[in-house]
Amino acid sequence: EIRNVIAIKIAPFNRYQTIDVVRAIVESGRDDVVLYT
């Protein structure tokens, strides 16, 4: 919900936690927050 967020580096080394991040961004409706591994 923070407008000046442009991307997220997903680095928990854990599949469950990786899914948490991607699902949260999808469900936020923010298609302008870019996901990076």
PDB file of all heavy atoms in Angstrom:
ATOM      1  N   GLU A   1       0.806  -1.208   0.000  1.00  0.00           N
ATOM      2  CA  GLU A   1       0.000   0.000   0.000  1.00  0.00           C
ATOM      3  C   GLU A   1       0.847   1.270   0.000  1.00  0.00           C
ATOM      4  O   GLU A   1       0.316   2.373  -0.168  1.00  0.00           O
ATOM      5  CB  GLU A   1      -0.940  -0.008   1.217  1.00  0.00           C
ATOM      6  CG  GLU A   1      -1.959  -1.134   1.169  1.00  0.00           C
ATOM      7  CD  GLU A   1      -2.764  -1.263   2.449  1.00  0.00           C
ATOM      8  OE1 GLU A   1      -2.594  -0.393   3.340  1.00  0.00           O
ATOM      9  OE2 GLU A   1      -3.556  -2.220   2.558  1.00  0.00           O
ATOM     10  N   ILE A   2       2.163   1.131   0.174  1.00  0.00           N
ATOM     11  CA  ILE A   2       3.067   2.280   0.141  1.00  0.00           C
ATOM     12  C   ILE A   2       3.317   2.633  -1.334  1.00  0.00           C
ATOM     13  O   ILE A   2       3.894   1.839  -2.079  1.00  0.00           O
ATOM     14  CB  ILE A   2       4.387   1.969   0.868  1.00  0.00           C
ATOM     15  CG1 ILE A   2       4.103   1.593   2.329  1.00  0.00           C
ATOM     16  CG2 ILE A   2       5.344   3.158   0.789  1.00  0.00           C
ATOM     17  CD1 ILE A   2       5.326   1.058   3.076  1.00  0.00           C
ATOM     18  N   ARG A   3       2.918   3.799  -1.741  1.00  0.00           N
ATOM     19  CA  ARG A   3       2.901   4.104  -3.183  1.00  0.00           C
ATOM     20  C   ARG A   3       4.281   4.127  -3.810  1.00  0.00           C
ATOM     21  O   ARG A   3       4.442   3.788  -4.976  1.00  0.00           O
ATOM     22  CB  ARG A   3       2.211   5.469  -3.421  1.00  0.00           C
ATOM     23  CG  ARG A   3       0.757   5.523  -3.035  1.00  0.00           C
ATOM     24  CD  ARG A   3      -0.059   4.358  -3.556  1.00  0.00           C
ATOM     25  NE  ARG A   3       0.039   4.173  -5.015  1.00  0.00           N
ATOM     26  CZ  ARG A   3      -0.452   3.139  -5.655  1.00  0.00           C
ATOM     27  NH1 ARG A   3      -1.058   2.158  -5.001  1.00  0.00           N
ATOM     28  NH2 ARG A   3      -0.344   3.053  -6.967  1.00  0.00           N
ATOM     29  N   ASN A   4       5.292   4.534  -3.064  1.00  0.00           N
ATOM     30  CA  ASN A   4       6.621   4.654  -3.669  1.00  0.00           C
ATOM     31  C   ASN A   4       7.429   3.364  -3.579  1.00  0.00           C
ATOM     32  O   ASN A   4       8.638   3.369  -3.772  1.00  0.00           O
ATOM     33  CB  ASN A   4       7.409   5.810  -3.030  1.00  0.00           C
ATOM     34  CG  ASN A   4       8.362   6.471  -4.018  1.00  0.00           C
ATOM     35  OD1 ASN A   4       8.176   6.384  -5.236  1.00  0.00           O
ATOM     36  ND2 ASN A   4       9.387   7.123  -3.506  1.00  0.00           N
ATOM     37  N   VAL A   5       6.765   2.261  -3.305  1.00  0.00           N
ATOM     38  CA  VAL A   5       7.389   0.937  -3.436  1.00  0.00           C
ATOM     39  C   VAL A   5       7.385   0.568  -4.919  1.00  0.00           C
ATOM     40  O   VAL A   5       6.327   0.597  -5.568  1.00  0.00           O
ATOM     41  CB  VAL A   5       6.623  -0.123  -2.622  1.00  0.00           C
ATOM     42  CG1 VAL A   5       7.060  -1.529  -3.021  1.00  0.00           C
ATOM     43  CG2 VAL A   5       6.849   0.091  -1.129  1.00  0.00           C
ATOM     44  N   ILE A   6       8.555   0.225  -5.435  1.00  0.00           N
ATOM     45  CA  ILE A   6       8.623  -0.103  -6.861  1.00  0.00           C
ATOM     46  C   ILE A   6       8.902  -1.582  -7.121  1.00  0.00           C
ATOM     47  O   ILE A   6       8.620  -2.086  -8.210  1.00  0.00           O
ATOM     48  CB  ILE A   6       9.680   0.749  -7.597  1.00  0.00           C
ATOM     49  CG1 ILE A   6      11.094   0.521  -7.025  1.00  0.00           C
ATOM     50  CG2 ILE A   6       9.298   2.221  -7.563  1.00  0.00           C
ATOM     51  CD1 ILE A   6      12.188   1.158  -7.862  1.00  0.00           C
ATOM     52  N   ALA A   7       9.447  -2.278  -6.124  1.00  0.00           N
ATOM     53  CA  ALA A   7       9.800  -3.685  -6.332  1.00  0.00           C
ATOM     54  C   ALA A   7      10.013  -4.356  -4.988  1.00  0.00           C
ATOM     55  O   ALA A   7      10.089  -3.702  -3.943  1.00  0.00           O
ATOM     56  CB  ALA A   7      11.059  -3.807  -7.191  1.00  0.00           C
ATOM     57  N   ILE A   8      10.123  -5.683  -5.015  1.00  0.00           N
ATOM     58  CA  ILE A   8      10.461  -6.467  -3.828  1.00  0.00           C
ATOM     59  C   ILE A   8      11.485  -7.518  -4.224  1.00  0.00           C
ATOM     60  O   ILE A   8      11.297  -8.246  -5.212  1.00  0.00           O
ATOM     61  CB  ILE A   8       9.227  -7.147  -3.216  1.00  0.00           C
ATOM     62  CG1 ILE A   8       8.198  -6.108  -2.767  1.00  0.00           C
ATOM     63  CG2 ILE A   8       9.626  -8.027  -2.033  1.00  0.00           C
ATOM     64  CD1 ILE A   8       6.879  -6.709  -2.322  1.00  0.00           C
ATOM     65  N   LYS A   9      12.556  -7.567  -3.449  1.00  0.00           N
ATOM     66  CA  LYS A   9      13.520  -8.655  -3.570  1.00  0.00           C
ATOM     67  C   LYS A   9      13.103  -9.749  -2.597  1.00  0.00           C
ATOM     68  O   LYS A   9      13.106  -9.547  -1.382  1.00  0.00           O
ATOM     69  CB  LYS A   9      14.936  -8.173  -3.251  1.00  0.00           C
ATOM     70  CG  LYS A   9      15.940  -9.322  -3.145  1.00  0.00           C
ATOM     71  CD  LYS A   9      17.345  -8.858  -2.816  1.00  0.00           C
ATOM     72  CE  LYS A   9      18.257 -10.069  -2.564  1.00  0.00           C
ATOM     73  NZ  LYS A   9      19.661  -9.705  -2.417  1.00  0.00           N
ATOM     74  N   ILE A  10      12.735 -10.904  -3.140  1.00  0.00           N
ATOM     75  CA  ILE A  10      12.237 -12.017  -2.327  1.00  0.00           C
ATOM     76  C   ILE A  10      13.399 -12.964  -2.042  1.00  0.00           C
ATOM     77  O   ILE A  10      13.860 -13.672  -2.936  1.00  0.00           O
ATOM     78  CB  ILE A  10      11.108 -12.755  -3.060  1.00  0.00           C
ATOM     79  CG1 ILE A  10      10.036 -11.773  -3.538  1.00  0.00           C
ATOM     80  CG2 ILE A  10      10.505 -13.827  -2.165  1.00  0.00           C
ATOM     81  CD1 ILE A  10       8.995 -12.394  -4.460  1.00  0.00           C
ATOM     82  N   ALA A  11      13.873 -12.966  -0.792  1.00  0.00           N
ATOM     83  CA  ALA A  11      15.067 -13.756  -0.473  1.00  0.00           C
ATOM     84  C   ALA A  11      14.975 -14.496   0.858  1.00  0.00           C
ATOM     85  O   ALA A  11      15.927 -14.525   1.626  1.00  0.00           O
ATOM     86  CB  ALA A  11      16.296 -12.848  -0.472  1.00  0.00           C
ATOM     87  N   PRO A  12      13.828 -15.139   1.165  1.00  0.00           N
ATOM     88  CA  PRO A  12      13.766 -15.908   2.408  1.00  0.00           C
ATOM     89  C   PRO A  12      14.371 -17.300   2.291  1.00  0.00           C
ATOM     90  O   PRO A  12      14.504 -18.002   3.302  1.00  0.00           O
ATOM     91  CB  PRO A  12      12.271 -15.992   2.689  1.00  0.00           C
ATOM     92  CG  PRO A  12      11.650 -15.999   1.332  1.00  0.00           C
ATOM     93  CD  PRO A  12      12.520 -15.084   0.494  1.00  0.00           C
ATOM     94  N   PHE A  13      14.736 -17.722   1.053  1.00  0.00           N
ATOM     95  CA  PHE A  13      15.226 -19.081   0.810  1.00  0.00           C
ATOM     96  C   PHE A  13      14.210 -20.104   1.321  1.00  0.00           C
ATOM     97  O   PHE A  13      14.555 -21.107   1.945  1.00  0.00           O
ATOM     98  CB  PHE A  13      16.585 -19.306   1.483  1.00  0.00           C
ATOM     99  CG  PHE A  13      17.758 -18.660   0.788  1.00  0.00           C
ATOM    100  CD1 PHE A  13      17.673 -17.365   0.306  1.00  0.00           C
ATOM    101  CD2 PHE A  13      18.952 -19.340   0.630  1.00  0.00           C
ATOM    102  CE1 PHE A  13      18.745 -16.759  -0.328  1.00  0.00           C
ATOM    103  CE2 PHE A  13      20.035 -18.747  -0.001  1.00  0.00           C
ATOM    104  CZ  PHE A  13      19.931 -17.460  -0.479  1.00  0.00           C
ATOM    105  N   ASN A  14      12.924 -19.852   1.055  1.00  0.00           N
ATOM    106  CA  ASN A  14      11.858 -20.689   1.581  1.00  0.00           C
ATOM    107  C   ASN A  14      10.666 -20.548   0.647  1.00  0.00           C
ATOM    108  O   ASN A  14      10.204 -19.436   0.384  1.00  0.00           O
ATOM    109  CB  ASN A  14      11.509 -20.221   3.008  1.00  0.00           C
ATOM    110  CG  ASN A  14      10.405 -21.030   3.642  1.00  0.00           C
ATOM    111  OD1 ASN A  14       9.259 -20.975   3.225  1.00  0.00           O
ATOM    112  ND2 ASN A  14      10.756 -21.774   4.681  1.00  0.00           N
ATOM    113  N   ARG A  15      10.144 -21.664   0.160  1.00  0.00           N
ATOM    114  CA  ARG A  15       9.071 -21.606  -0.836  1.00  0.00           C
ATOM    115  C   ARG A  15       7.774 -21.072  -0.233  1.00  0.00           C
ATOM    116  O   ARG A  15       7.047 -20.310  -0.869  1.00  0.00           O
ATOM    117  CB  ARG A  15       8.814 -22.991  -1.441  1.00  0.00           C
ATOM    118  CG  ARG A  15      10.049 -23.691  -2.003  1.00  0.00           C
ATOM    119  CD  ARG A  15      10.941 -22.776  -2.819  1.00  0.00           C
ATOM    120  NE  ARG A  15      10.334 -22.299  -4.049  1.00  0.00           N
ATOM    121  CZ  ARG A  15      10.730 -21.211  -4.714  1.00  0.00           C
ATOM    122  NH1 ARG A  15      11.725 -20.472  -4.253  1.00  0.00           N
ATOM    123  NH2 ARG A  15      10.135 -20.855  -5.825  1.00  0.00           N
ATOM    124  N   TYR A  16       7.458 -21.470   1.001  1.00  0.00           N
ATOM    125  CA  TYR A  16       6.228 -20.990   1.626  1.00  0.00           C
ATOM    126  C   TYR A  16       6.246 -19.470   1.752  1.00  0.00           C
ATOM    127  O   TYR A  16       5.263 -18.781   1.472  1.00  0.00           O
ATOM    128  CB  TYR A  16       6.056 -21.599   3.023  1.00  0.00           C
ATOM    129  CG  TYR A  16       6.005 -23.108   3.062  1.00  0.00           C
ATOM    130  CD1 TYR A  16       7.016 -23.840   3.692  1.00  0.00           C
ATOM    131  CD2 TYR A  16       4.943 -23.805   2.488  1.00  0.00           C
ATOM    132  CE1 TYR A  16       6.969 -25.220   3.738  1.00  0.00           C
ATOM    133  CE2 TYR A  16       4.896 -25.193   2.534  1.00  0.00           C
ATOM    134  CZ  TYR A  16       5.909 -25.900   3.160  1.00  0.00           C
ATOM    135  OH  TYR A  16       5.870 -27.265   3.211  1.00  0.00           O
ATOM    136  N   GLN A  17       7.375 -18.943   2.191  1.00  0.00           N
ATOM    137  CA  GLN A  17       7.488 -17.502   2.422  1.00  0.00           C
ATOM    138  C   GLN A  17       7.563 -16.735   1.107  1.00  0.00           C
ATOM    139  O   GLN A  17       7.091 -15.596   1.018  1.00  0.00           O
ATOM    140  CB  GLN A  17       8.691 -17.233   3.320  1.00  0.00           C
ATOM    141  CG  GLN A  17       8.476 -17.766   4.727  1.00  0.00           C
ATOM    142  CD  GLN A  17       9.755 -18.067   5.475  1.00  0.00           C
ATOM    143  OE1 GLN A  17      10.853 -17.661   5.076  1.00  0.00           O
ATOM    144  NE2 GLN A  17       9.633 -18.802   6.575  1.00  0.00           N
ATOM    145  N   THR A  18       8.136 -17.347   0.088  1.00  0.00           N
ATOM    146  CA  THR A  18       8.132 -16.743  -1.243  1.00  0.00           C
ATOM    147  C   THR A  18       6.699 -16.583  -1.749  1.00  0.00           C
ATOM    148  O   THR A  18       6.315 -15.532  -2.273  1.00  0.00           O
ATOM    149  CB  THR A  18       8.961 -17.597  -2.219  1.00  0.00           C
ATOM    150  OG1 THR A  18      10.336 -17.567  -1.811  1.00  0.00           O
ATOM    151  CG2 THR A  18       8.848 -17.094  -3.647  1.00  0.00           C
ATOM    152  N   ILE A  19       5.893 -17.626  -1.548  1.00  0.00           N
ATOM    153  CA  ILE A  19       4.491 -17.565  -1.967  1.00  0.00           C
ATOM    154  C   ILE A  19       3.747 -16.471  -1.204  1.00  0.00           C
ATOM    155  O   ILE A  19       2.909 -15.752  -1.783  1.00  0.00           O
ATOM    156  CB  ILE A  19       3.820 -18.941  -1.764  1.00  0.00           C
ATOM    157  CG1 ILE A  19       4.373 -19.936  -2.790  1.00  0.00           C
ATOM    158  CG2 ILE A  19       2.298 -18.835  -1.888  1.00  0.00           C
ATOM    159  CD1 ILE A  19       3.954 -21.373  -2.536  1.00  0.00           C
ATOM    160  N   ASP A  20       4.045 -16.310   0.086  1.00  0.00           N
ATOM    161  CA  ASP A  20       3.402 -15.245   0.867  1.00  0.00           C
ATOM    162  C   ASP A  20       3.560 -13.887   0.190  1.00  0.00           C
ATOM    163  O   ASP A  20       2.610 -13.107   0.104  1.00  0.00           O
ATOM    164  CB  ASP A  20       4.027 -15.162   2.267  1.00  0.00           C
ATOM    165  CG  ASP A  20       3.507 -16.220   3.220  1.00  0.00           C
ATOM    166  OD1 ASP A  20       2.460 -16.841   2.932  1.00  0.00           O
ATOM    167  OD2 ASP A  20       4.159 -16.428   4.264  1.00  0.00           O
ATOM    168  N   VAL A  21       4.779 -13.598  -0.266  1.00  0.00           N
ATOM    169  CA  VAL A  21       5.049 -12.295  -0.871  1.00  0.00           C
ATOM    170  C   VAL A  21       4.292 -12.148  -2.187  1.00  0.00           C
ATOM    171  O   VAL A  21       3.610 -11.132  -2.418  1.00  0.00           O
ATOM    172  CB  VAL A  21       6.557 -12.090  -1.115  1.00  0.00           C
ATOM    173  CG1 VAL A  21       6.816 -10.723  -1.745  1.00  0.00           C
ATOM    174  CG2 VAL A  21       7.345 -12.217   0.181  1.00  0.00           C
ATOM    175  N   VAL A  22       4.398 -13.137  -3.056  1.00  0.00           N
ATOM    176  CA  VAL A  22       3.757 -13.024  -4.368  1.00  0.00           C
ATOM    177  C   VAL A  22       2.245 -12.914  -4.213  1.00  0.00           C
ATOM    178  O   VAL A  22       1.594 -12.072  -4.846  1.00  0.00           O
ATOM    179  CB  VAL A  22       4.138 -14.208  -5.271  1.00  0.00           C
ATOM    180  CG1 VAL A  22       3.499 -14.036  -6.652  1.00  0.00           C
ATOM    181  CG2 VAL A  22       5.651 -14.346  -5.401  1.00  0.00           C
ATOM    182  N   ARG A  23       1.662 -13.741  -3.348  1.00  0.00           N
ATOM    183  CA  ARG A  23       0.206 -13.690  -3.146  1.00  0.00           C
ATOM    184  C   ARG A  23      -0.230 -12.342  -2.587  1.00  0.00           C
ATOM    185  O   ARG A  23      -1.255 -11.787  -3.003  1.00  0.00           O
ATOM    186  CB  ARG A  23      -0.232 -14.825  -2.213  1.00  0.00           C
ATOM    187  CG  ARG A  23      -1.736 -14.911  -2.034  1.00  0.00           C
ATOM    188  CD  ARG A  23      -2.135 -16.212  -1.356  1.00  0.00           C
ATOM    189  NE  ARG A  23      -1.690 -16.262   0.027  1.00  0.00           N
ATOM    190  CZ  ARG A  23      -2.401 -15.813   1.075  1.00  0.00           C
ATOM    191  NH1 ARG A  23      -3.593 -15.240   0.875  1.00  0.00           N
ATOM    192  NH2 ARG A  23      -1.931 -15.923   2.295  1.00  0.00           N
ATOM    193  N   ALA A  24       0.555 -11.809  -1.668  1.00  0.00           N
ATOM    194  CA  ALA A  24       0.207 -10.502  -1.096  1.00  0.00           C
ATOM    195  C   ALA A  24       0.191  -9.414  -2.157  1.00  0.00           C
ATOM    196  O   ALA A  24      -0.711  -8.559  -2.176  1.00  0.00           O
ATOM    197  CB  ALA A  24       1.198 -10.147   0.017  1.00  0.00           C
ATOM    198  N   ILE A  25       1.161  -9.444  -3.048  1.00  0.00           N
ATOM    199  CA  ILE A  25       1.217  -8.421  -4.097  1.00  0.00           C
ATOM    200  C   ILE A  25       0.083  -8.613  -5.103  1.00  0.00           C
ATOM    201  O   ILE A  25      -0.555  -7.650  -5.534  1.00  0.00           O
ATOM    202  CB  ILE A  25       2.592  -8.434  -4.798  1.00  0.00           C
ATOM    203  CG1 ILE A  25       3.703  -8.126  -3.799  1.00  0.00           C
ATOM    204  CG2 ILE A  25       2.610  -7.440  -5.944  1.00  0.00           C
ATOM    205  CD1 ILE A  25       3.517  -6.834  -3.020  1.00  0.00           C
ATOM    206  N   VAL A  26      -0.193  -9.856  -5.468  1.00  0.00           N
ATOM    207  CA  VAL A  26      -1.310 -10.114  -6.383  1.00  0.00           C
ATOM    208  C   VAL A  26      -2.617  -9.618  -5.776  1.00  0.00           C
ATOM    209  O   VAL A  26      -3.407  -8.919  -6.426  1.00  0.00           O
ATOM    210  CB  VAL A  26      -1.398 -11.620  -6.705  1.00  0.00           C
ATOM    211  CG1 VAL A  26      -2.729 -11.940  -7.404  1.00  0.00           C
ATOM    212  CG2 VAL A  26      -0.237 -12.052  -7.590  1.00  0.00           C
ATOM    213  N   GLU A  27      -2.858  -9.959  -4.508  1.00  0.00           N
ATOM    214  CA  GLU A  27      -4.134  -9.616  -3.876  1.00  0.00           C
ATOM    215  C   GLU A  27      -4.237  -8.126  -3.551  1.00  0.00           C
ATOM    216  O   GLU A  27      -5.342  -7.618  -3.320  1.00  0.00           O
ATOM    217  CB  GLU A  27      -4.352 -10.485  -2.643  1.00  0.00           C
ATOM    218  CG  GLU A  27      -4.539 -11.954  -3.020  1.00  0.00           C
ATOM    219  CD  GLU A  27      -4.788 -12.865  -1.842  1.00  0.00           C
ATOM    220  OE1 GLU A  27      -4.825 -12.384  -0.692  1.00  0.00           O
ATOM    221  OE2 GLU A  27      -4.947 -14.082  -2.071  1.00  0.00           O
ATOM    222  N   SER A  28      -3.096  -7.429  -3.558  1.00  0.00           N
ATOM    223  CA  SER A  28      -3.132  -5.979  -3.351  1.00  0.00           C
ATOM    224  C   SER A  28      -3.618  -5.242  -4.587  1.00  0.00           C
ATOM    225  O   SER A  28      -4.009  -4.076  -4.511  1.00  0.00           O
ATOM    226  CB  SER A  28      -1.730  -5.461  -2.994  1.00  0.00           C
ATOM    227  OG  SER A  28      -0.891  -5.404  -4.147  1.00  0.00           O
ATOM    228  N   GLY A  29      -3.553  -5.899  -5.745  1.00  0.00           N
ATOM    229  CA  GLY A  29      -3.913  -5.260  -7.002  1.00  0.00           C
ATOM    230  C   GLY A  29      -2.804  -4.408  -7.591  1.00  0.00           C
ATOM    231  O   GLY A  29      -2.995  -3.780  -8.639  1.00  0.00           O
ATOM    232  N   ARG A  30      -1.622  -4.408  -6.960  1.00  0.00           N
ATOM    233  CA  ARG A  30      -0.500  -3.597  -7.448  1.00  0.00           C
ATOM    234  C   ARG A  30       0.262  -4.337  -8.548  1.00  0.00           C
ATOM    235  O   ARG A  30       1.155  -5.132  -8.285  1.00  0.00           O
ATOM    236  CB  ARG A  30       0.456  -3.263  -6.295  1.00  0.00           C
ATOM    237  CG  ARG A  30      -0.038  -2.269  -5.277  1.00  0.00           C
ATOM    238  CD  ARG A  30      -0.059  -0.848  -5.787  1.00  0.00           C
ATOM    239  NE  ARG A  30       1.224  -0.348  -6.219  1.00  0.00           N
ATOM    240  CZ  ARG A  30       2.126   0.230  -5.416  1.00  0.00           C
ATOM    241  NH1 ARG A  30       1.885   0.363  -4.119  1.00  0.00           N
ATOM    242  NH2 ARG A  30       3.258   0.693  -5.905  1.00  0.00           N
ATOM    243  N   ASP A  31      -0.084  -4.086  -9.778  1.00  0.00           N
ATOM    244  CA  ASP A  31       0.657  -4.725 -10.868  1.00  0.00           C
ATOM    245  C   ASP A  31       1.903  -3.933 -11.242  1.00  0.00           C
ATOM    246  O   ASP A  31       2.650  -4.312 -12.149  1.00  0.00           O
ATOM    247  CB  ASP A  31      -0.224  -4.928 -12.099  1.00  0.00           C
ATOM    248  CG  ASP A  31      -0.813  -3.621 -12.636  1.00  0.00           C
ATOM    249  OD1 ASP A  31      -0.457  -2.535 -12.121  1.00  0.00           O
ATOM    250  OD2 ASP A  31      -1.624  -3.689 -13.573  1.00  0.00           O
ATOM    251  N   ASP A  32       2.147  -2.800 -10.519  1.00  0.00           N
ATOM    252  CA  ASP A  32       3.329  -1.995 -10.786  1.00  0.00           C
ATOM    253  C   ASP A  32       4.437  -2.237  -9.764  1.00  0.00           C
ATOM    254  O   ASP A  32       5.477  -1.579  -9.822  1.00  0.00           O
ATOM    255  CB  ASP A  32       2.972  -0.511 -10.810  1.00  0.00           C
ATOM    256  CG  ASP A  32       2.408  -0.006  -9.488  1.00  0.00           C
ATOM    257  OD1 ASP A  32       1.907  -0.842  -8.693  1.00  0.00           O
ATOM    258  OD2 ASP A  32       2.457   1.214  -9.243  1.00  0.00           O
ATOM    259  N   VAL A  33       4.236  -3.167  -8.838  1.00  0.00           N
ATOM    260  CA  VAL A  33       5.304  -3.569  -7.917  1.00  0.00           C
ATOM    261  C   VAL A  33       5.975  -4.794  -8.529  1.00  0.00           C
ATOM    262  O   VAL A  33       5.370  -5.858  -8.646  1.00  0.00           O
ATOM    263  CB  VAL A  33       4.761  -3.887  -6.514  1.00  0.00           C
ATOM    264  CG1 VAL A  33       5.882  -4.439  -5.620  1.00  0.00           C
ATOM    265  CG2 VAL A  33       4.161  -2.632  -5.882  1.00  0.00           C
ATOM    266  N   VAL A  34       7.217  -4.629  -8.943  1.00  0.00           N
ATOM    267  CA  VAL A  34       7.916  -5.666  -9.696  1.00  0.00           C
ATOM    268  C   VAL A  34       8.562  -6.652  -8.724  1.00  0.00           C
ATOM    269  O   VAL A  34       9.140  -6.257  -7.706  1.00  0.00           O
ATOM    270  CB  VAL A  34       8.985  -5.041 -10.613  1.00  0.00           C
ATOM    271  CG1 VAL A  34       9.574  -6.100 -11.531  1.00  0.00           C
ATOM    272  CG2 VAL A  34       8.376  -3.899 -11.432  1.00  0.00           C
ATOM    273  N   LEU A  35       8.481  -7.929  -9.046  1.00  0.00           N
ATOM    274  CA  LEU A  35       9.022  -8.979  -8.188  1.00  0.00           C
ATOM    275  C   LEU A  35      10.372  -9.442  -8.718  1.00  0.00           C
ATOM    276  O   LEU A  35      10.518  -9.735  -9.915  1.00  0.00           O
ATOM    277  CB  LEU A  35       8.050 -10.155  -8.134  1.00  0.00           C
ATOM    278  CG  LEU A  35       6.647  -9.810  -7.608  1.00  0.00           C
ATOM    279  CD1 LEU A  35       5.726 -11.004  -7.744  1.00  0.00           C
ATOM    280  CD2 LEU A  35       6.720  -9.332  -6.166  1.00  0.00           C
ATOM    281  N   TYR A  36      11.338  -9.503  -7.811  1.00  0.00           N
ATOM    282  CA  TYR A  36      12.689  -9.966  -8.142  1.00  0.00           C
ATOM    283  C   TYR A  36      13.090 -11.078  -7.179  1.00  0.00           C
ATOM    284  O   TYR A  36      12.744 -11.033  -5.993  1.00  0.00           O
ATOM    285  CB  TYR A  36      13.702  -8.806  -8.059  1.00  0.00           C
ATOM    286  CG  TYR A  36      13.921  -8.167  -9.408  1.00  0.00           C
ATOM    287  CD1 TYR A  36      12.846  -7.603 -10.093  1.00  0.00           C
ATOM    288  CD2 TYR A  36      15.160  -8.164 -10.028  1.00  0.00           C
ATOM    289  CE1 TYR A  36      13.011  -7.045 -11.344  1.00  0.00           C
ATOM    290  CE2 TYR A  36      15.340  -7.604 -11.288  1.00  0.00           C
ATOM    291  CZ  TYR A  36      14.255  -7.054 -11.946  1.00  0.00           C
ATOM    292  OH  TYR A  36      14.422  -6.522 -13.194  1.00  0.00           O
ATOM    293  N   THR A  37      13.784 -12.063  -7.702  1.00  0.00           N
ATOM    294  CA  THR A  37      14.258 -13.128  -6.831  1.00  0.00           C
ATOM    295  C   THR A  37      15.575 -12.744  -6.162  1.00  0.00           C
ATOM    296  O   THR A  37      16.456 -12.165  -6.789  1.00  0.00           O
ATOM    297  CB  THR A  37      14.421 -14.470  -7.563  1.00  0.00           C
ATOM    298  OG1 THR A  37      14.797 -15.474  -6.603  1.00  0.00           O
ATOM    299  CG2 THR A  37      15.487 -14.421  -8.654  1.00  0.00           C
TER     300      THR A  37
END
